Amino acid sequence: MLNRRDDPIIAGENLKGPSVASFKSTERYIASRDLEVAVNASVTLQRPLLVKGEPGTGKTVLAHEVAQALGMPLIEWHIKSTTKAQQGLYEYDAVSRLRDGQLGDERVHDISNYIVRGKLWEAFENETPVVVLIDEIDKADIEFPNDLLLELDRMQFFVYETRKTIVAKNRPVVIITSNNEKELPDAFLRRCFFHYIRFPERETMEQIVHAHYPDIKQELAREALNVFFQVRDVPGLKKKPATSELLDWLKLLMVEDLSPEVLRSRETHVVIPPLHGALLKNEQDVHLFERLAFLARRKG
């Protein structure tokens, strides 16, 4: 069992964390009480906040809203399948140094000219605390989270080429998102404060809709939400529409000035919602609704 001196998390306690007001819902981002508590607990504990949830439930947007609410700059690191943890720290551009050496450039004598700083280095050297978004960490290799354990714990890393240790001037607020495509290592999970964004209830979704479209007709919003939740309840959907799909769909309904009666129709041939391309994102789900439409017509 680790004691206080050996625990890597305690090793970075001398860093100054952000001294700011609590995070709360904003005009354009409706956060549940549990999410507000999770963000503030993460800041208080000085641990990364790991946020999971369905795609389109506002995980990435959360980092933007937290940065704005806390008055901090936002540094975004979007992860791809080819991203390595080292890229978040720094990269050594050996190719440029070789080229400059062939051209007789004087810069070649200082290796630091060829060190490309990563997002975490940028955050560590900022004069004020920042919010760091590590977006969709589950896209990377399974070793990616483990490769960042020490750096996120101690808020420092060693640059081998220059033989220097980079230490964070201020402890950043770290928000990590995951779509659950891969399981994350237990050692990594232990160091995070975890929150799962549950899909909003009807009442919360109404607040989200009116926060984004305050001028929407009440009747249109009500009927659109009825259809939206009906679509989500269809068994066998490969990709259920989420908040972002609903907002896109509502925008199209408003632009086309569709009548609420079109959505309210219960005719057997009206099964696929109008402008369904904003809600259904793959051919399997479209075919599913087409089959439902065919069965409905046969019943009729």
C-alpha atoms as a PDB file:
ATOM      1  CA  MET A   1       0.000   0.000   0.000  1.00  0.00           C
ATOM      2  CA  LEU A   2       1.322   3.452  -0.912  1.00  0.00           C
ATOM      3  CA  ASN A   3       1.983   6.009   1.784  1.00  0.00           C
ATOM      4  CA  ARG A   4       1.789   9.774   1.292  1.00  0.00           C
ATOM      5  CA  ARG A   5       5.402  10.105   0.196  1.00  0.00           C
ATOM      6  CA  ASP A   6       5.175   7.299  -2.371  1.00  0.00           C
ATOM      7  CA  ASP A   7       1.781   8.052  -3.859  1.00  0.00           C
ATOM      8  CA  PRO A   8       2.443   9.675  -7.287  1.00  0.00           C
ATOM      9  CA  ILE A   9      -0.678  11.794  -6.967  1.00  0.00           C
ATOM     10  CA  ILE A  10       0.491  13.337  -3.717  1.00  0.00           C
ATOM     11  CA  ALA A  11       3.823  14.185  -5.373  1.00  0.00           C
ATOM     12  CA  GLY A  12       2.147  16.987  -7.326  1.00  0.00           C
ATOM     13  CA  GLU A  13       0.177  18.456  -4.444  1.00  0.00           C
ATOM     14  CA  ASN A  14       2.461  21.463  -4.102  1.00  0.00           C
ATOM     15  CA  LEU A  15       1.190  22.776  -7.442  1.00  0.00           C
ATOM     16  CA  LYS A  16      -1.334  25.546  -7.177  1.00  0.00           C
ATOM     17  CA  GLY A  17      -4.750  24.545  -8.434  1.00  0.00           C
ATOM     18  CA  PRO A  18      -7.346  26.916  -9.835  1.00  0.00           C
ATOM     19  CA  SER A  19      -9.099  29.149  -7.326  1.00  0.00           C
ATOM     20  CA  VAL A  20     -12.406  29.766  -9.023  1.00  0.00           C
ATOM     21  CA  ALA A  21     -16.159  29.781  -8.566  1.00  0.00           C
ATOM     22  CA  SER A  22     -18.124  26.561  -8.885  1.00  0.00           C
ATOM     23  CA  PHE A  23     -19.222  25.334 -12.311  1.00  0.00           C
ATOM     24  CA  LYS A  24     -22.945  25.543 -13.010  1.00  0.00           C
ATOM     25  CA  SER A  25     -25.227  25.208 -16.014  1.00  0.00           C
ATOM     26  CA  THR A  26     -24.924  28.018 -18.521  1.00  0.00           C
ATOM     27  CA  GLU A  27     -27.476  29.614 -20.814  1.00  0.00           C
ATOM     28  CA  ARG A  28     -26.552  27.283 -23.663  1.00  0.00           C
ATOM     29  CA  TYR A  29     -25.414  24.217 -21.722  1.00  0.00           C
ATOM     30  CA  ILE A  30     -27.902  22.543 -19.387  1.00  0.00           C
ATOM     31  CA  ALA A  31     -25.952  20.369 -16.969  1.00  0.00           C
ATOM     32  CA  SER A  32     -27.544  17.993 -14.499  1.00  0.00           C
ATOM     33  CA  ARG A  33     -26.880  18.472 -10.819  1.00  0.00           C
ATOM     34  CA  ASP A  34     -24.736  15.296 -10.835  1.00  0.00           C
ATOM     35  CA  LEU A  35     -22.587  16.681 -13.655  1.00  0.00           C
ATOM     36  CA  GLU A  36     -22.101  19.988 -11.851  1.00  0.00           C
ATOM     37  CA  VAL A  37     -21.004  18.080  -8.745  1.00  0.00           C
ATOM     38  CA  ALA A  38     -18.621  15.916 -10.797  1.00  0.00           C
ATOM     39  CA  VAL A  39     -16.887  18.910 -12.405  1.00  0.00           C
ATOM     40  CA  ASN A  40     -16.455  20.715  -9.099  1.00  0.00           C
ATOM     41  CA  ALA A  41     -15.284  17.551  -7.323  1.00  0.00           C
ATOM     42  CA  SER A  42     -12.665  16.992 -10.030  1.00  0.00           C
ATOM     43  CA  VAL A  43     -11.365  20.542  -9.598  1.00  0.00           C
ATOM     44  CA  THR A  44     -11.314  20.212  -5.808  1.00  0.00           C
ATOM     45  CA  LEU A  45      -9.543  16.833  -5.839  1.00  0.00           C
ATOM     46  CA  GLN A  46      -7.174  17.992  -8.618  1.00  0.00           C
ATOM     47  CA  ARG A  47      -7.846  14.828 -10.573  1.00  0.00           C
ATOM     48  CA  PRO A  48      -8.739  14.466 -14.258  1.00  0.00           C
ATOM     49  CA  LEU A  49     -12.473  14.263 -14.943  1.00  0.00           C
ATOM     50  CA  LEU A  50     -13.280  11.222 -17.102  1.00  0.00           C
ATOM     51  CA  VAL A  51     -16.614  11.739 -18.870  1.00  0.00           C
ATOM     52  CA  LYS A  52     -18.418   8.941 -20.676  1.00  0.00           C
ATOM     53  CA  GLY A  53     -21.791   8.857 -22.407  1.00  0.00           C
ATOM     54  CA  GLU A  54     -23.537   8.296 -25.717  1.00  0.00           C
ATOM     55  CA  PRO A  55     -22.023  10.146 -28.683  1.00  0.00           C
ATOM     56  CA  GLY A  56     -23.775  13.498 -29.042  1.00  0.00           C
ATOM     57  CA  THR A  57     -24.596  14.010 -25.362  1.00  0.00           C
ATOM     58  CA  GLY A  58     -22.316  17.025 -24.963  1.00  0.00           C
ATOM     59  CA  LYS A  59     -19.093  15.564 -23.571  1.00  0.00           C
ATOM     60  CA  THR A  60     -16.784  17.652 -25.749  1.00  0.00           C
ATOM     61  CA  VAL A  61     -18.890  20.784 -25.390  1.00  0.00           C
ATOM     62  CA  LEU A  62     -18.629  20.378 -21.620  1.00  0.00           C
ATOM     63  CA  ALA A  63     -14.926  21.294 -21.723  1.00  0.00           C
ATOM     64  CA  HIS A  64     -15.721  24.499 -23.641  1.00  0.00           C
ATOM     65  CA  GLU A  65     -18.404  25.459 -21.130  1.00  0.00           C
ATOM     66  CA  VAL A  66     -16.198  24.665 -18.129  1.00  0.00           C
ATOM     67  CA  ALA A  67     -13.373  26.794 -19.559  1.00  0.00           C
ATOM     68  CA  GLN A  68     -15.748  29.691 -20.190  1.00  0.00           C
ATOM     69  CA  ALA A  69     -17.404  29.399 -16.774  1.00  0.00           C
ATOM     70  CA  LEU A  70     -14.063  29.250 -14.949  1.00  0.00           C
ATOM     71  CA  GLY A  71     -12.513  32.007 -17.057  1.00  0.00           C
ATOM     72  CA  MET A  72      -9.651  29.834 -18.312  1.00  0.00           C
ATOM     73  CA  PRO A  73      -8.128  29.252 -21.749  1.00  0.00           C
ATOM     74  CA  LEU A  74      -9.002  25.912 -23.362  1.00  0.00           C
ATOM     75  CA  ILE A  75      -6.362  23.640 -24.901  1.00  0.00           C
ATOM     76  CA  GLU A  76      -7.862  20.848 -27.011  1.00  0.00           C
ATOM     77  CA  TRP A  77      -6.141  17.555 -27.816  1.00  0.00           C
ATOM     78  CA  HIS A  78      -8.315  15.478 -30.143  1.00  0.00           C
ATOM     79  CA  ILE A  79      -7.226  11.841 -30.151  1.00  0.00           C
ATOM     80  CA  LYS A  80      -7.093   9.655 -33.274  1.00  0.00           C
ATOM     81  CA  SER A  81      -6.358   5.956 -33.694  1.00  0.00           C
ATOM     82  CA  THR A  82      -2.757   6.814 -34.626  1.00  0.00           C
ATOM     83  CA  THR A  83      -2.150   9.287 -31.779  1.00  0.00           C
ATOM     84  CA  LYS A  84       0.653   8.441 -29.351  1.00  0.00           C
ATOM     85  CA  ALA A  85       0.915   9.764 -25.807  1.00  0.00           C
ATOM     86  CA  GLN A  86       4.365  11.175 -26.554  1.00  0.00           C
ATOM     87  CA  GLN A  87       2.802  13.600 -29.050  1.00  0.00           C
ATOM     88  CA  GLY A  88       0.972  15.300 -26.205  1.00  0.00           C
ATOM     89  CA  LEU A  89       4.308  16.016 -24.528  1.00  0.00           C
ATOM     90  CA  TYR A  90       6.685  16.757 -27.403  1.00  0.00           C
ATOM     91  CA  GLU A  91       8.175  15.359 -30.614  1.00  0.00           C
ATOM     92  CA  TYR A  92      11.747  15.487 -31.854  1.00  0.00           C
ATOM     93  CA  ASP A  93      11.920  16.575 -35.511  1.00  0.00           C
ATOM     94  CA  ALA A  94      14.999  14.650 -36.591  1.00  0.00           C
ATOM     95  CA  VAL A  95      14.198  15.054 -40.294  1.00  0.00           C
ATOM     96  CA  SER A  96      14.316  18.869 -40.115  1.00  0.00           C
ATOM     97  CA  ARG A  97      17.586  18.746 -38.184  1.00  0.00           C
ATOM     98  CA  LEU A  98      19.152  16.442 -40.777  1.00  0.00           C
ATOM     99  CA  ARG A  99      18.023  18.742 -43.590  1.00  0.00           C
ATOM    100  CA  ASP A 100      19.375  21.838 -41.824  1.00  0.00           C
ATOM    101  CA  GLY A 101      22.641  20.014 -41.184  1.00  0.00           C
ATOM    102  CA  GLN A 102      23.010  19.284 -44.888  1.00  0.00           C
ATOM    103  CA  LEU A 103      22.334  22.936 -45.665  1.00  0.00           C
ATOM    104  CA  GLY A 104      24.834  24.174 -43.080  1.00  0.00           C
ATOM    105  CA  ASP A 105      22.204  25.968 -40.971  1.00  0.00           C
ATOM    106  CA  GLU A 106      23.570  27.212 -37.612  1.00  0.00           C
ATOM    107  CA  ARG A 107      20.341  26.178 -35.882  1.00  0.00           C
ATOM    108  CA  VAL A 108      21.453  22.560 -36.097  1.00  0.00           C
ATOM    109  CA  HIS A 109      23.857  23.013 -33.164  1.00  0.00           C
ATOM    110  CA  ASP A 110      20.990  23.588 -30.714  1.00  0.00           C
ATOM    111  CA  ILE A 111      18.795  20.508 -30.499  1.00  0.00           C
ATOM    112  CA  SER A 112      16.039  22.465 -28.735  1.00  0.00           C
ATOM    113  CA  ASN A 113      15.256  24.112 -32.094  1.00  0.00           C
ATOM    114  CA  TYR A 114      13.867  20.760 -33.200  1.00  0.00           C
ATOM    115  CA  ILE A 115      11.700  19.973 -30.214  1.00  0.00           C
ATOM    116  CA  VAL A 116       8.019  20.419 -31.148  1.00  0.00           C
ATOM    117  CA  ARG A 117       5.937  21.102 -28.053  1.00  0.00           C
ATOM    118  CA  GLY A 118       2.731  19.129 -27.517  1.00  0.00           C
ATOM    119  CA  LYS A 119      -0.580  20.147 -25.981  1.00  0.00           C
ATOM    120  CA  LEU A 120       0.367  19.133 -22.440  1.00  0.00           C
ATOM    121  CA  TRP A 121       3.665  21.026 -22.619  1.00  0.00           C
ATOM    122  CA  GLU A 122       1.695  24.064 -23.789  1.00  0.00           C
ATOM    123  CA  ALA A 123      -0.647  23.681 -20.815  1.00  0.00           C
ATOM    124  CA  PHE A 124       2.188  23.155 -18.331  1.00  0.00           C
ATOM    125  CA  GLU A 125       4.003  26.335 -19.408  1.00  0.00           C
ATOM    126  CA  ASN A 126       0.963  28.606 -19.452  1.00  0.00           C
ATOM    127  CA  GLU A 127       1.258  31.426 -16.928  1.00  0.00           C
ATOM    128  CA  THR A 128      -2.320  30.891 -15.722  1.00  0.00           C
ATOM    129  CA  PRO A 129      -4.332  27.696 -15.132  1.00  0.00           C
ATOM    130  CA  VAL A 130      -5.966  26.247 -18.238  1.00  0.00           C
ATOM    131  CA  VAL A 131      -8.558  23.621 -19.077  1.00  0.00           C
ATOM    132  CA  VAL A 132      -7.131  20.710 -21.075  1.00  0.00           C
ATOM    133  CA  LEU A 133      -9.515  18.579 -23.148  1.00  0.00           C
ATOM    134  CA  ILE A 134      -8.264  15.100 -24.069  1.00  0.00           C
ATOM    135  CA  ASP A 135     -11.060  14.175 -26.450  1.00  0.00           C
ATOM    136  CA  GLU A 136     -12.096  10.566 -27.217  1.00  0.00           C
ATOM    137  CA  ILE A 137      -9.203   8.871 -25.454  1.00  0.00           C
ATOM    138  CA  ASP A 138     -10.667   5.449 -26.274  1.00  0.00           C
ATOM    139  CA  LYS A 139      -9.804   5.908 -29.963  1.00  0.00           C
ATOM    140  CA  ALA A 140      -6.097   5.473 -29.244  1.00  0.00           C
ATOM    141  CA  ASP A 141      -4.118   2.332 -28.521  1.00  0.00           C
ATOM    142  CA  ILE A 142      -4.850   0.596 -25.212  1.00  0.00           C
ATOM    143  CA  GLU A 143      -1.436   1.669 -23.871  1.00  0.00           C
ATOM    144  CA  PHE A 144      -2.151   5.360 -24.481  1.00  0.00           C
ATOM    145  CA  PRO A 145      -3.777   6.054 -21.075  1.00  0.00           C
ATOM    146  CA  ASN A 146      -1.047   4.182 -19.185  1.00  0.00           C
ATOM    147  CA  ASP A 147       1.643   6.182 -20.991  1.00  0.00           C
ATOM    148  CA  LEU A 148       0.220   9.392 -19.479  1.00  0.00           C
ATOM    149  CA  LEU A 149      -0.163   8.190 -15.879  1.00  0.00           C
ATOM    150  CA  LEU A 150       3.025   9.734 -14.503  1.00  0.00           C
ATOM    151  CA  GLU A 151       2.667  13.016 -16.400  1.00  0.00           C
ATOM    152  CA  LEU A 152      -0.945  13.570 -15.278  1.00  0.00           C
ATOM    153  CA  ASP A 153      -0.093  12.603 -11.680  1.00  0.00           C
ATOM    154  CA  ARG A 154       3.059  14.592 -11.122  1.00  0.00           C
ATOM    155  CA  MET A 155       2.379  17.302 -13.700  1.00  0.00           C
ATOM    156  CA  GLN A 156       5.896  17.023 -15.102  1.00  0.00           C
ATOM    157  CA  PHE A 157       7.874  15.088 -17.707  1.00  0.00           C
ATOM    158  CA  PHE A 158      11.476  14.659 -18.822  1.00  0.00           C
ATOM    159  CA  VAL A 159      12.769  15.762 -22.251  1.00  0.00           C
ATOM    160  CA  TYR A 160      15.525  13.263 -23.067  1.00  0.00           C
ATOM    161  CA  GLU A 161      17.011  15.233 -25.972  1.00  0.00           C
ATOM    162  CA  THR A 162      17.662  18.359 -23.884  1.00  0.00           C
ATOM    163  CA  ARG A 163      18.017  16.564 -20.510  1.00  0.00           C
ATOM    164  CA  LYS A 164      15.496  18.942 -18.939  1.00  0.00           C
ATOM    165  CA  THR A 165      12.416  18.340 -16.798  1.00  0.00           C
ATOM    166  CA  ILE A 166       9.315  20.342 -17.686  1.00  0.00           C
ATOM    167  CA  VAL A 167       7.204  21.080 -14.602  1.00  0.00           C
ATOM    168  CA  ALA A 168       3.730  22.600 -14.747  1.00  0.00           C
ATOM    169  CA  LYS A 169       3.565  26.176 -13.497  1.00  0.00           C
ATOM    170  CA  ASN A 170      -0.096  25.693 -12.570  1.00  0.00           C
ATOM    171  CA  ARG A 171      -2.175  22.544 -12.313  1.00  0.00           C
ATOM    172  CA  PRO A 172      -4.579  22.448 -15.274  1.00  0.00           C
ATOM    173  CA  VAL A 173      -8.168  21.258 -15.115  1.00  0.00           C
ATOM    174  CA  VAL A 174      -8.110  18.066 -17.215  1.00  0.00           C
ATOM    175  CA  ILE A 175     -11.295  16.770 -18.871  1.00  0.00           C
ATOM    176  CA  ILE A 176     -11.082  13.428 -20.672  1.00  0.00           C
ATOM    177  CA  THR A 177     -13.911  12.089 -22.833  1.00  0.00           C
ATOM    178  CA  SER A 178     -14.603   8.528 -23.925  1.00  0.00           C
ATOM    179  CA  ASN A 179     -17.288   6.899 -26.074  1.00  0.00           C
ATOM    180  CA  ASN A 180     -16.612   3.501 -24.477  1.00  0.00           C
ATOM    181  CA  GLU A 181     -15.138   2.015 -27.671  1.00  0.00           C
ATOM    182  CA  LYS A 182     -12.395   0.422 -25.571  1.00  0.00           C
ATOM    183  CA  GLU A 183     -12.033  -0.457 -21.906  1.00  0.00           C
ATOM    184  CA  LEU A 184      -9.603   1.836 -20.112  1.00  0.00           C
ATOM    185  CA  PRO A 185      -6.915   0.407 -17.795  1.00  0.00           C
ATOM    186  CA  ASP A 186      -7.752   0.137 -14.082  1.00  0.00           C
ATOM    187  CA  ALA A 187      -4.622   2.066 -13.097  1.00  0.00           C
ATOM    188  CA  PHE A 188      -5.782   4.966 -15.240  1.00  0.00           C
ATOM    189  CA  LEU A 189      -9.363   4.843 -13.953  1.00  0.00           C
ATOM    190  CA  ARG A 190      -8.123   4.929 -10.366  1.00  0.00           C
ATOM    191  CA  ARG A 191      -6.560   8.340 -10.973  1.00  0.00           C
ATOM    192  CA  CYS A 192      -9.691   9.927 -12.456  1.00  0.00           C
ATOM    193  CA  PHE A 193     -12.967  11.244 -11.125  1.00  0.00           C
ATOM    194  CA  PHE A 194     -15.572   9.456 -13.238  1.00  0.00           C
ATOM    195  CA  HIS A 195     -18.949  10.666 -14.489  1.00  0.00           C
ATOM    196  CA  TYR A 196     -21.352   9.068 -16.952  1.00  0.00           C
ATOM    197  CA  ILE A 197     -23.646  11.551 -18.711  1.00  0.00           C
ATOM    198  CA  ARG A 198     -27.024   9.850 -18.721  1.00  0.00           C
ATOM    199  CA  PHE A 199     -29.319  10.620 -21.615  1.00  0.00           C
ATOM    200  CA  PRO A 200     -31.499  13.593 -20.601  1.00  0.00           C
ATOM    201  CA  GLU A 201     -35.056  13.070 -19.430  1.00  0.00           C
ATOM    202  CA  ARG A 202     -37.899  14.745 -21.327  1.00  0.00           C
ATOM    203  CA  GLU A 203     -37.962  17.775 -19.008  1.00  0.00           C
ATOM    204  CA  THR A 204     -34.219  18.366 -19.300  1.00  0.00           C
ATOM    205  CA  MET A 205     -34.358  17.926 -23.070  1.00  0.00           C
ATOM    206  CA  GLU A 206     -37.054  20.615 -23.264  1.00  0.00           C
ATOM    207  CA  GLN A 207     -34.738  22.989 -21.407  1.00  0.00           C
ATOM    208  CA  ILE A 208     -31.879  22.153 -23.803  1.00  0.00           C
ATOM    209  CA  VAL A 209     -34.102  22.802 -26.838  1.00  0.00           C
ATOM    210  CA  HIS A 210     -35.266  26.184 -25.562  1.00  0.00           C
ATOM    211  CA  ALA A 211     -31.728  27.137 -24.554  1.00  0.00           C
ATOM    212  CA  HIS A 212     -30.609  26.674 -28.185  1.00  0.00           C
ATOM    213  CA  TYR A 213     -33.804  27.795 -29.915  1.00  0.00           C
ATOM    214  CA  PRO A 214     -35.614  30.263 -27.623  1.00  0.00           C
ATOM    215  CA  ASP A 215     -37.917  31.353 -30.470  1.00  0.00           C
ATOM    216  CA  ILE A 216     -39.104  27.880 -31.469  1.00  0.00           C
ATOM    217  CA  LYS A 217     -42.868  27.382 -31.585  1.00  0.00           C
ATOM    218  CA  GLN A 218     -44.003  25.513 -28.480  1.00  0.00           C
ATOM    219  CA  GLU A 219     -46.253  23.154 -30.428  1.00  0.00           C
ATOM    220  CA  LEU A 220     -43.508  22.275 -32.922  1.00  0.00           C
ATOM    221  CA  ALA A 221     -41.035  21.605 -30.121  1.00  0.00           C
ATOM    222  CA  ARG A 222     -43.532  19.387 -28.297  1.00  0.00           C
ATOM    223  CA  GLU A 223     -44.410  17.283 -31.341  1.00  0.00           C
ATOM    224  CA  ALA A 224     -40.761  17.026 -32.425  1.00  0.00           C
ATOM    225  CA  LEU A 225     -39.789  15.741 -28.988  1.00  0.00           C
ATOM    226  CA  ASN A 226     -42.610  13.191 -29.162  1.00  0.00           C
ATOM    227  CA  VAL A 227     -41.253  11.870 -32.472  1.00  0.00           C
ATOM    228  CA  PHE A 228     -37.649  12.023 -31.256  1.00  0.00           C
ATOM    229  CA  PHE A 229     -38.283   9.871 -28.185  1.00  0.00           C
ATOM    230  CA  GLN A 230     -40.424   7.487 -30.242  1.00  0.00           C
ATOM    231  CA  VAL A 231     -37.521   7.024 -32.653  1.00  0.00           C
ATOM    232  CA  ARG A 232     -35.130   6.368 -29.757  1.00  0.00           C
ATOM    233  CA  ASP A 233     -37.516   3.721 -28.397  1.00  0.00           C
ATOM    234  CA  VAL A 234     -37.580   1.712 -31.636  1.00  0.00           C
ATOM    235  CA  PRO A 235     -35.932  -1.642 -30.847  1.00  0.00           C
ATOM    236  CA  GLY A 236     -32.989  -2.678 -33.000  1.00  0.00           C
ATOM    237  CA  LEU A 237     -31.586   0.777 -33.789  1.00  0.00           C
ATOM    238  CA  LYS A 238     -27.833   0.644 -34.367  1.00  0.00           C
ATOM    239  CA  LYS A 239     -27.331   4.344 -33.552  1.00  0.00           C
ATOM    240  CA  LYS A 240     -29.954   6.058 -31.460  1.00  0.00           C
ATOM    241  CA  PRO A 241     -30.247   9.779 -32.191  1.00  0.00           C
ATOM    242  CA  ALA A 242     -28.797  11.916 -29.399  1.00  0.00           C
ATOM    243  CA  THR A 243     -28.973  15.572 -28.381  1.00  0.00           C
ATOM    244  CA  SER A 244     -26.859  16.864 -31.258  1.00  0.00           C
ATOM    245  CA  GLU A 245     -29.043  15.045 -33.813  1.00  0.00           C
ATOM    246  CA  LEU A 246     -32.189  16.463 -32.229  1.00  0.00           C
ATOM    247  CA  LEU A 247     -30.858  20.029 -32.389  1.00  0.00           C
ATOM    248  CA  ASP A 248     -29.852  19.607 -36.050  1.00  0.00           C
ATOM    249  CA  TRP A 249     -33.277  18.157 -36.870  1.00  0.00           C
ATOM    250  CA  LEU A 250     -35.112  20.974 -35.101  1.00  0.00           C
ATOM    251  CA  LYS A 251     -33.075  23.548 -37.006  1.00  0.00           C
ATOM    252  CA  LEU A 252     -34.136  21.953 -40.300  1.00  0.00           C
ATOM    253  CA  LEU A 253     -37.783  21.808 -39.208  1.00  0.00           C
ATOM    254  CA  MET A 254     -37.655  25.509 -38.379  1.00  0.00           C
ATOM    255  CA  VAL A 255     -35.922  26.439 -41.652  1.00  0.00           C
ATOM    256  CA  GLU A 256     -38.466  24.427 -43.672  1.00  0.00           C
ATOM    257  CA  ASP A 257     -41.267  25.901 -41.515  1.00  0.00           C
ATOM    258  CA  LEU A 258     -42.933  22.502 -41.237  1.00  0.00           C
ATOM    259  CA  SER A 259     -46.270  22.385 -39.518  1.00  0.00           C
ATOM    260  CA  PRO A 260     -46.572  20.487 -36.218  1.00  0.00           C
ATOM    261  CA  GLU A 261     -49.439  18.579 -37.859  1.00  0.00           C
ATOM    262  CA  VAL A 262     -46.929  16.850 -40.137  1.00  0.00           C
ATOM    263  CA  LEU A 263     -45.208  15.412 -37.082  1.00  0.00           C
ATOM    264  CA  ARG A 264     -48.476  14.682 -35.316  1.00  0.00           C
ATOM    265  CA  SER A 265     -49.835  12.606 -38.191  1.00  0.00           C
ATOM    266  CA  ARG A 266     -50.664   9.019 -37.266  1.00  0.00           C
ATOM    267  CA  GLU A 267     -51.294   7.812 -40.822  1.00  0.00           C
ATOM    268  CA  THR A 268     -49.959   4.300 -41.303  1.00  0.00           C
ATOM    269  CA  HIS A 269     -47.784   5.351 -44.245  1.00  0.00           C
ATOM    270  CA  VAL A 270     -46.076   8.056 -42.209  1.00  0.00           C
ATOM    271  CA  VAL A 271     -43.429   6.097 -40.308  1.00  0.00           C
ATOM    272  CA  ILE A 272     -40.131   7.673 -41.282  1.00  0.00           C
ATOM    273  CA  PRO A 273     -39.907  11.215 -39.839  1.00  0.00           C
ATOM    274  CA  PRO A 274     -39.505  14.105 -42.293  1.00  0.00           C
ATOM    275  CA  LEU A 275     -35.877  15.121 -42.860  1.00  0.00           C
ATOM    276  CA  HIS A 276     -34.883  11.863 -41.162  1.00  0.00           C
ATOM    277  CA  GLY A 277     -31.288  12.169 -42.394  1.00  0.00           C
ATOM    278  CA  ALA A 278     -30.600  14.378 -39.393  1.00  0.00           C
ATOM    279  CA  LEU A 279     -31.784  11.651 -36.998  1.00  0.00           C
ATOM    280  CA  LEU A 280     -30.822   8.351 -38.646  1.00  0.00           C
ATOM    281  CA  LYS A 281     -27.113   8.062 -39.369  1.00  0.00           C
ATOM    282  CA  ASN A 282     -26.688   4.716 -41.145  1.00  0.00           C
ATOM    283  CA  GLU A 283     -28.418   2.635 -43.797  1.00  0.00           C
ATOM    284  CA  GLN A 284     -29.338  -0.178 -41.376  1.00  0.00           C
ATOM    285  CA  ASP A 285     -31.531   2.154 -39.328  1.00  0.00           C
ATOM    286  CA  VAL A 286     -33.125   3.679 -42.437  1.00  0.00           C
ATOM    287  CA  HIS A 287     -33.906   0.175 -43.751  1.00  0.00           C
ATOM    288  CA  LEU A 288     -35.371  -0.720 -40.367  1.00  0.00           C
ATOM    289  CA  PHE A 289     -37.799   2.198 -40.603  1.00  0.00           C
ATOM    290  CA  GLU A 290     -38.609   1.315 -44.218  1.00  0.00           C
ATOM    291  CA  ARG A 291     -39.502  -2.216 -43.126  1.00  0.00           C
ATOM    292  CA  LEU A 292     -41.665  -0.793 -40.354  1.00  0.00           C
ATOM    293  CA  ALA A 293     -43.384   1.423 -42.933  1.00  0.00           C
ATOM    294  CA  PHE A 294     -44.004  -1.600 -45.176  1.00  0.00           C
ATOM    295  CA  LEU A 295     -45.479  -3.606 -42.301  1.00  0.00           C
ATOM    296  CA  ALA A 296     -47.632  -0.632 -41.298  1.00  0.00           C
ATOM    297  CA  ARG A 297     -49.019  -0.367 -44.844  1.00  0.00           C
ATOM    298  CA  ARG A 298     -49.816  -4.101 -44.905  1.00  0.00           C
ATOM    299  CA  LYS A 299     -51.651  -3.786 -41.610  1.00  0.00           C
ATOM    300  CA  GLY A 300     -53.589  -0.832 -42.966  1.00  0.00           C
END
